[in-house]
PDB file of N, CA and C in Angstrom:
ATOM      1  N   MET A   1     126.956  91.569  80.385  1.00  0.00           N
ATOM      2  CA  MET A   1     125.745  91.361  79.850  1.00  0.00           C
ATOM      3  C   MET A   1     125.028  91.185  80.807  1.00  0.00           C
ATOM      4  N   GLU A   2     123.461  92.038  80.914  1.00  0.00           N
ATOM      5  CA  GLU A   2     122.387  91.472  82.240  1.00  0.00           C
ATOM      6  C   GLU A   2     121.728  90.121  81.568  1.00  0.00           C
ATOM      7  N   VAL A   3     121.499  89.736  82.688  1.00  0.00           N
ATOM      8  CA  VAL A   3     120.833  88.824  82.340  1.00  0.00           C
ATOM      9  C   VAL A   3     119.361  89.093  81.417  1.00  0.00           C
ATOM     10  N   GLY A   4     118.791  89.729  81.561  1.00  0.00           N
ATOM     11  CA  GLY A   4     117.216  90.778  80.784  1.00  0.00           C
ATOM     12  C   GLY A   4     117.628  90.998  79.141  1.00  0.00           C
ATOM     13  N   ALA A   5     119.121  91.062  79.026  1.00  0.00           N
ATOM     14  CA  ALA A   5     119.538  90.923  77.581  1.00  0.00           C
ATOM     15  C   ALA A   5     119.796  89.313  77.657  1.00  0.00           C
ATOM     16  N   ILE A   6     120.133  88.660  78.272  1.00  0.00           N
ATOM     17  CA  ILE A   6     120.536  86.774  77.464  1.00  0.00           C
ATOM     18  C   ILE A   6     118.968  86.526  77.659  1.00  0.00           C
ATOM     19  N   ILE A   7     117.959  86.917  78.325  1.00  0.00           N
ATOM     20  CA  ILE A   7     116.500  85.975  78.121  1.00  0.00           C
ATOM     21  C   ILE A   7     116.247  86.999  76.582  1.00  0.00           C
ATOM     22  N   LYS A   8     116.307  87.868  76.240  1.00  0.00           N
ATOM     23  CA  LYS A   8     115.325  88.285  75.363  1.00  0.00           C
ATOM     24  C   LYS A   8     115.884  88.011  73.942  1.00  0.00           C
ATOM     25  N   LYS A   9     117.880  87.681  74.031  1.00  0.00           N
ATOM     26  CA  LYS A   9     117.974  87.031  72.852  1.00  0.00           C
ATOM     27  C   LYS A   9     117.639  85.308  72.633  1.00  0.00           C
ATOM     28  N   PHE A  10     117.385  84.565  74.060  1.00  0.00           N
ATOM     29  CA  PHE A  10     116.903  83.440  73.811  1.00  0.00           C
ATOM     30  C   PHE A  10     115.014  83.170  73.083  1.00  0.00           C
ATOM     31  N   ASN A  11     114.784  84.613  73.543  1.00  0.00           N
ATOM     32  CA  ASN A  11     112.959  84.758  73.225  1.00  0.00           C
ATOM     33  C   ASN A  11     112.886  85.048  71.799  1.00  0.00           C
ATOM     34  N   THR A  12     113.793  85.708  71.744  1.00  0.00           N
ATOM     35  CA  THR A  12     113.687  86.151  69.565  1.00  0.00           C
ATOM     36  C   THR A  12     113.768  84.715  69.059  1.00  0.00           C
ATOM     37  N   HIS A  13     114.728  83.312  69.609  1.00  0.00           N
ATOM     38  CA  HIS A  13     114.472  82.229  68.747  1.00  0.00           C
ATOM     39  C   HIS A  13     113.721  81.169  69.418  1.00  0.00           C
ATOM     40  N   GLU A  14     112.998  81.337  70.052  1.00  0.00           N
ATOM     41  CA  GLU A  14     111.712  80.972  71.216  1.00  0.00           C
ATOM     42  C   GLU A  14     111.185  79.641  69.874  1.00  0.00           C
ATOM     43  N   ASN A  15     111.021  79.860  69.109  1.00  0.00           N
ATOM     44  CA  ASN A  15     110.477  79.068  67.882  1.00  0.00           C
ATOM     45  C   ASN A  15     110.911  77.997  67.778  1.00  0.00           C
ATOM     46  N   LEU A  16     112.656  78.123  67.245  1.00  0.00           N
ATOM     47  CA  LEU A  16     113.659  77.320  66.753  1.00  0.00           C
ATOM     48  C   LEU A  16     113.494  76.116  68.281  1.00  0.00           C
ATOM     49  N   PHE A  17     113.891  77.184  69.379  1.00  0.00           N
ATOM     50  CA  PHE A  17     114.327  76.012  70.678  1.00  0.00           C
ATOM     51  C   PHE A  17     113.154  74.978  70.810  1.00  0.00           C
ATOM     52  N   GLU A  18     111.547  75.104  70.734  1.00  0.00           N
ATOM     53  CA  GLU A  18     110.559  74.412  71.000  1.00  0.00           C
ATOM     54  C   GLU A  18     110.589  73.270  70.028  1.00  0.00           C
ATOM     55  N   LYS A  19     111.133  73.730  68.559  1.00  0.00           N
ATOM     56  CA  LYS A  19     110.841  72.778  67.569  1.00  0.00           C
ATOM     57  C   LYS A  19     112.588  71.941  68.022  1.00  0.00           C
ATOM     58  N   LEU A  20     113.304  72.116  68.611  1.00  0.00           N
ATOM     59  CA  LEU A  20     114.912  71.322  69.209  1.00  0.00           C
ATOM     60  C   LEU A  20     114.556  70.348  70.345  1.00  0.00           C
ATOM     61  N   GLY A  21     113.374  70.915  71.084  1.00  0.00           N
ATOM     62  CA  GLY A  21     112.869  70.435  72.238  1.00  0.00           C
ATOM     63  C   GLY A  21     111.961  69.078  71.987  1.00  0.00           C
ATOM     64  N   ILE A  22     111.199  69.140  71.227  1.00  0.00           N
ATOM     65  CA  ILE A  22     109.991  68.044  70.666  1.00  0.00           C
ATOM     66  C   ILE A  22     111.480  67.179  69.673  1.00  0.00           C
ATOM     67  N   LEU A  23     111.901  67.764  68.961  1.00  0.00           N
ATOM     68  CA  LEU A  23     112.942  66.281  68.174  1.00  0.00           C
ATOM     69  C   LEU A  23     113.699  65.515  69.156  1.00  0.00           C
ATOM     70  N   LEU A  24     114.535  66.763  70.611  1.00  0.00           N
ATOM     71  CA  LEU A  24     115.241  65.890  71.363  1.00  0.00           C
ATOM     72  C   LEU A  24     114.607  64.807  72.078  1.00  0.00           C
ATOM     73  N   VAL A  25     113.128  65.073  72.267  1.00  0.00           N
ATOM     74  CA  VAL A  25     111.886  64.120  73.120  1.00  0.00           C
ATOM     75  C   VAL A  25     111.563  63.272  72.508  1.00  0.00           C
ATOM     76  N   VAL A  26     111.873  63.434  71.137  1.00  0.00           N
ATOM     77  CA  VAL A  26     111.364  62.093  69.739  1.00  0.00           C
ATOM     78  C   VAL A  26     112.603  61.231  69.947  1.00  0.00           C
ATOM     79  N   VAL A  27     113.816  61.998  69.993  1.00  0.00           N
ATOM     80  CA  VAL A  27     114.960  61.137  69.805  1.00  0.00           C
ATOM     81  C   VAL A  27     114.829  60.172  71.340  1.00  0.00           C
ATOM     82  N   PHE A  28     115.200  60.722  72.445  1.00  0.00           N
ATOM     83  CA  PHE A  28     114.979  60.362  73.253  1.00  0.00           C
ATOM     84  C   PHE A  28     113.789  58.800  73.574  1.00  0.00           C
ATOM     85  N   PHE A  29     112.768  59.124  73.262  1.00  0.00           N
ATOM     86  CA  PHE A  29     111.728  58.121  73.566  1.00  0.00           C
ATOM     87  C   PHE A  29     112.438  56.756  72.396  1.00  0.00           C
ATOM     88  N   LEU A  30     112.630  56.945  71.393  1.00  0.00           N
ATOM     89  CA  LEU A  30     113.255  55.845  70.172  1.00  0.00           C
ATOM     90  C   LEU A  30     114.226  55.310  70.507  1.00  0.00           C
ATOM     91  N   MET A  31     115.500  56.080  71.593  1.00  0.00           N
ATOM     92  CA  MET A  31     116.534  55.440  72.299  1.00  0.00           C
ATOM     93  C   MET A  31     116.052  54.348  73.253  1.00  0.00           C
ATOM     94  N   ILE A  32     115.002  54.793  74.078  1.00  0.00           N
ATOM     95  CA  ILE A  32     114.852  54.040  75.069  1.00  0.00           C
ATOM     96  C   ILE A  32     114.075  52.907  74.832  1.00  0.00           C
ATOM     97  N   ALA A  33     112.988  52.735  73.481  1.00  0.00           N
ATOM     98  CA  ALA A  33     112.047  51.917  72.675  1.00  0.00           C
ATOM     99  C   ALA A  33     113.311  50.811  72.425  1.00  0.00           C
ATOM    100  N   ALA A  34     114.419  51.502  71.683  1.00  0.00           N
ATOM    101  CA  ALA A  34     115.205  50.381  70.834  1.00  0.00           C
ATOM    102  C   ALA A  34     115.936  49.809  71.810  1.00  0.00           C
ATOM    103  N   GLY A  35     116.144  50.475  73.338  1.00  0.00           N
ATOM    104  CA  GLY A  35     116.756  49.523  74.346  1.00  0.00           C
ATOM    105  C   GLY A  35     116.038  48.862  74.845  1.00  0.00           C
ATOM    106  N   PHE A  36     114.691  48.933  74.933  1.00  0.00           N
ATOM    107  CA  PHE A  36     114.180  47.605  75.884  1.00  0.00           C
ATOM    108  C   PHE A  36     113.711  46.287  75.192  1.00  0.00           C
ATOM    109  N   THR A  37     113.533  47.062  73.596  1.00  0.00           N
ATOM    110  CA  THR A  37     113.496  45.217  72.767  1.00  0.00           C
ATOM    111  C   THR A  37     114.644  45.016  72.432  1.00  0.00           C
ATOM    112  N   ASP A  38     115.790  45.292  73.061  1.00  0.00           N
ATOM    113  CA  ASP A  38     117.132  44.798  72.491  1.00  0.00           C
ATOM    114  C   ASP A  38     117.317  43.658  73.248  1.00  0.00           C
ATOM    115  N   SER A  39     117.572  42.299  73.015  1.00  0.00           N
ATOM    116  CA  SER A  39     117.746  41.209  73.389  1.00  0.00           C
ATOM    117  C   SER A  39     119.047  41.280  74.441  1.00  0.00           C
ATOM    118  N   ASN A  40     119.486  41.671  74.584  1.00  0.00           N
ATOM    119  CA  ASN A  40     121.249  42.108  74.952  1.00  0.00           C
ATOM    120  C   ASN A  40     120.765  42.589  76.488  1.00  0.00           C
ATOM    121  N   GLN A  41     121.022  42.051  77.609  1.00  0.00           N
ATOM    122  CA  GLN A  41     120.891  42.748  78.838  1.00  0.00           C
ATOM    123  C   GLN A  41     121.794  44.084  79.215  1.00  0.00           C
ATOM    124  N   ALA A  42     122.623  44.495  78.395  1.00  0.00           N
ATOM    125  CA  ALA A  42     123.176  46.147  78.379  1.00  0.00           C
ATOM    126  C   ALA A  42     122.454  46.749  78.299  1.00  0.00           C
ATOM    127  N   GLY A  43     121.709  46.279  76.825  1.00  0.00           N
ATOM    128  CA  GLY A  43     121.128  47.438  76.262  1.00  0.00           C
ATOM    129  C   GLY A  43     120.385  47.634  77.045  1.00  0.00           C
ATOM    130  N   ARG A  44     119.567  47.152  77.657  1.00  0.00           N
ATOM    131  CA  ARG A  44     118.379  47.172  78.644  1.00  0.00           C
ATOM    132  C   ARG A  44     118.960  48.569  80.352  1.00  0.00           C
ATOM    133  N   ILE A  45     119.938  47.855  80.296  1.00  0.00           N
ATOM    134  CA  ILE A  45     120.409  48.355  81.968  1.00  0.00           C
ATOM    135  C   ILE A  45     120.978  50.284  81.518  1.00  0.00           C
ATOM    136  N   MET A  46     121.685  50.116  80.329  1.00  0.00           N
ATOM    137  CA  MET A  46     121.812  51.594  79.448  1.00  0.00           C
ATOM    138  C   MET A  46     120.457  52.187  79.202  1.00  0.00           C
ATOM    139  N   THR A  47     119.529  51.597  78.546  1.00  0.00           N
ATOM    140  CA  THR A  47     118.305  52.303  78.017  1.00  0.00           C
ATOM    141  C   THR A  47     117.840  52.757  79.708  1.00  0.00           C
ATOM    142  N   LEU A  48     117.481  51.887  80.920  1.00  0.00           N
ATOM    143  CA  LEU A  48     117.448  52.276  82.153  1.00  0.00           C
ATOM    144  C   LEU A  48     117.874  53.308  82.696  1.00  0.00           C
ATOM    145  N   ILE A  49     119.605  53.510  82.811  1.00  0.00           N
ATOM    146  CA  ILE A  49     120.620  54.834  82.735  1.00  0.00           C
ATOM    147  C   ILE A  49     119.753  56.007  82.272  1.00  0.00           C
ATOM    148  N   LEU A  50     119.426  55.679  81.120  1.00  0.00           N
ATOM    149  CA  LEU A  50     118.904  56.742  79.786  1.00  0.00           C
ATOM    150  C   LEU A  50     117.927  57.442  80.480  1.00  0.00           C
ATOM    151  N   PHE A  51     116.799  56.113  80.730  1.00  0.00           N
ATOM    152  CA  PHE A  51     115.755  57.167  80.888  1.00  0.00           C
ATOM    153  C   PHE A  51     115.581  57.924  82.614  1.00  0.00           C
ATOM    154  N   ILE A  52     116.575  56.968  83.627  1.00  0.00           N
ATOM    155  CA  ILE A  52     116.556  57.853  84.906  1.00  0.00           C
ATOM    156  C   ILE A  52     117.171  59.572  84.553  1.00  0.00           C
ATOM    157  N   LEU A  53     118.042  59.760  84.024  1.00  0.00           N
ATOM    158  CA  LEU A  53     118.748  60.381  83.174  1.00  0.00           C
ATOM    159  C   LEU A  53     117.697  61.646  83.048  1.00  0.00           C
ATOM    160  N   VAL A  54     116.949  61.195  81.899  1.00  0.00           N
ATOM    161  CA  VAL A  54     115.524  62.216  81.054  1.00  0.00           C
ATOM    162  C   VAL A  54     114.771  62.424  82.366  1.00  0.00           C
ATOM    163  N   PHE A  55     114.269  61.455  83.074  1.00  0.00           N
ATOM    164  CA  PHE A  55     113.298  62.011  84.181  1.00  0.00           C
ATOM    165  C   PHE A  55     113.867  62.950  85.202  1.00  0.00           C
ATOM    166  N   LEU A  56     115.413  62.993  85.029  1.00  0.00           N
ATOM    167  CA  LEU A  56     115.851  64.096  86.441  1.00  0.00           C
ATOM    168  C   LEU A  56     115.913  65.070  85.297  1.00  0.00           C
ATOM    169  N   ALA A  57     116.318  64.962  84.538  1.00  0.00           N
ATOM    170  CA  ALA A  57     116.430  66.329  83.839  1.00  0.00           C
ATOM    171  C   ALA A  57     115.060  66.926  83.145  1.00  0.00           C
ATOM    172  N   SER A  58     114.094  66.184  83.136  1.00  0.00           N
ATOM    173  CA  SER A  58     113.164  67.131  83.023  1.00  0.00           C
ATOM    174  C   SER A  58     111.995  67.458  84.536  1.00  0.00           C
ATOM    175  N   PHE A  59     112.520  66.609  85.422  1.00  0.00           N
ATOM    176  CA  PHE A  59     111.641  67.000  86.583  1.00  0.00           C
ATOM    177  C   PHE A  59     112.831  68.498  87.158  1.00  0.00           C
ATOM    178  N   ILE A  60     114.172  68.758  86.675  1.00  0.00           N
ATOM    179  CA  ILE A  60     114.580  69.836  87.238  1.00  0.00           C
ATOM    180  C   ILE A  60     114.534  71.157  86.705  1.00  0.00           C
ATOM    181  N   GLY A  61     114.135  70.409  84.931  1.00  0.00           N
ATOM    182  CA  GLY A  61     113.508  71.636  83.715  1.00  0.00           C
ATOM    183  C   GLY A  61     112.483  72.309  84.450  1.00  0.00           C
ATOM    184  N   TYR A  62     111.021  71.496  85.185  1.00  0.00           N
ATOM    185  CA  TYR A  62     110.132  71.584  85.580  1.00  0.00           C
ATOM    186  C   TYR A  62     110.313  72.472  86.658  1.00  0.00           C
ATOM    187  N   THR A  63     110.905  72.136  87.840  1.00  0.00           N
ATOM    188  CA  THR A  63     110.924  72.598  88.937  1.00  0.00           C
ATOM    189  C   THR A  63     111.419  74.470  88.570  1.00  0.00           C
ATOM    190  N   VAL A  64     112.457  74.248  87.592  1.00  0.00           N
ATOM    191  CA  VAL A  64     112.778  75.823  87.773  1.00  0.00           C
ATOM    192  C   VAL A  64     111.961  76.507  86.396  1.00  0.00           C
ATOM    193  N   SER A  65     111.707  75.776  86.178  1.00  0.00           N
ATOM    194  CA  SER A  65     110.243  77.170  85.084  1.00  0.00           C
ATOM    195  C   SER A  65     109.222  76.928  86.161  1.00  0.00           C
ATOM    196  N   LYS A  66     108.815  76.104  86.781  1.00  0.00           N
ATOM    197  CA  LYS A  66     107.524  77.027  88.232  1.00  0.00           C
ATOM    198  C   LYS A  66     108.179  77.765  89.217  1.00  0.00           C
ATOM    199  N   SER A  67     109.558  77.726  89.494  1.00  0.00           N
ATOM    200  CA  SER A  67     110.184  79.207  90.429  1.00  0.00           C
ATOM    201  C   SER A  67     110.117  80.363  89.622  1.00  0.00           C
ATOM    202  N   LEU A  68     110.122  80.414  88.440  1.00  0.00           N
ATOM    203  CA  LEU A  68     110.934  81.109  87.970  1.00  0.00           C
ATOM    204  C   LEU A  68     109.160  82.065  87.286  1.00  0.00           C
ATOM    205  N   ASP A  69     108.574  81.186  87.524  1.00  0.00           N
ATOM    206  CA  ASP A  69     107.007  81.772  87.410  1.00  0.00           C
ATOM    207  C   ASP A  69     106.315  82.270  87.989  1.00  0.00           C
ATOM    208  N   GLU A  70     106.823  82.180  89.940  1.00  0.00           N
ATOM    209  CA  GLU A  70     106.415  82.855  90.271  1.00  0.00           C
ATOM    210  C   GLU A  70     106.798  84.245  90.625  1.00  0.00           C
TER     211      GLU A  70
END
């Protein structure tokens, strides 16, 4: 299977992936808000780790998207 065929398959379901991406972002923000409002110190540390991982994934996605546009 060529790379072009894989991209075409993803493009046919583009609207679905957009909705799932938005849902994923909302879930991450809710988890971060829940962790910061938690009175337990472990919840705050886990939220900070989650926030760093989300930032890293977003940065990698942005970099890949930018390099594919060139």
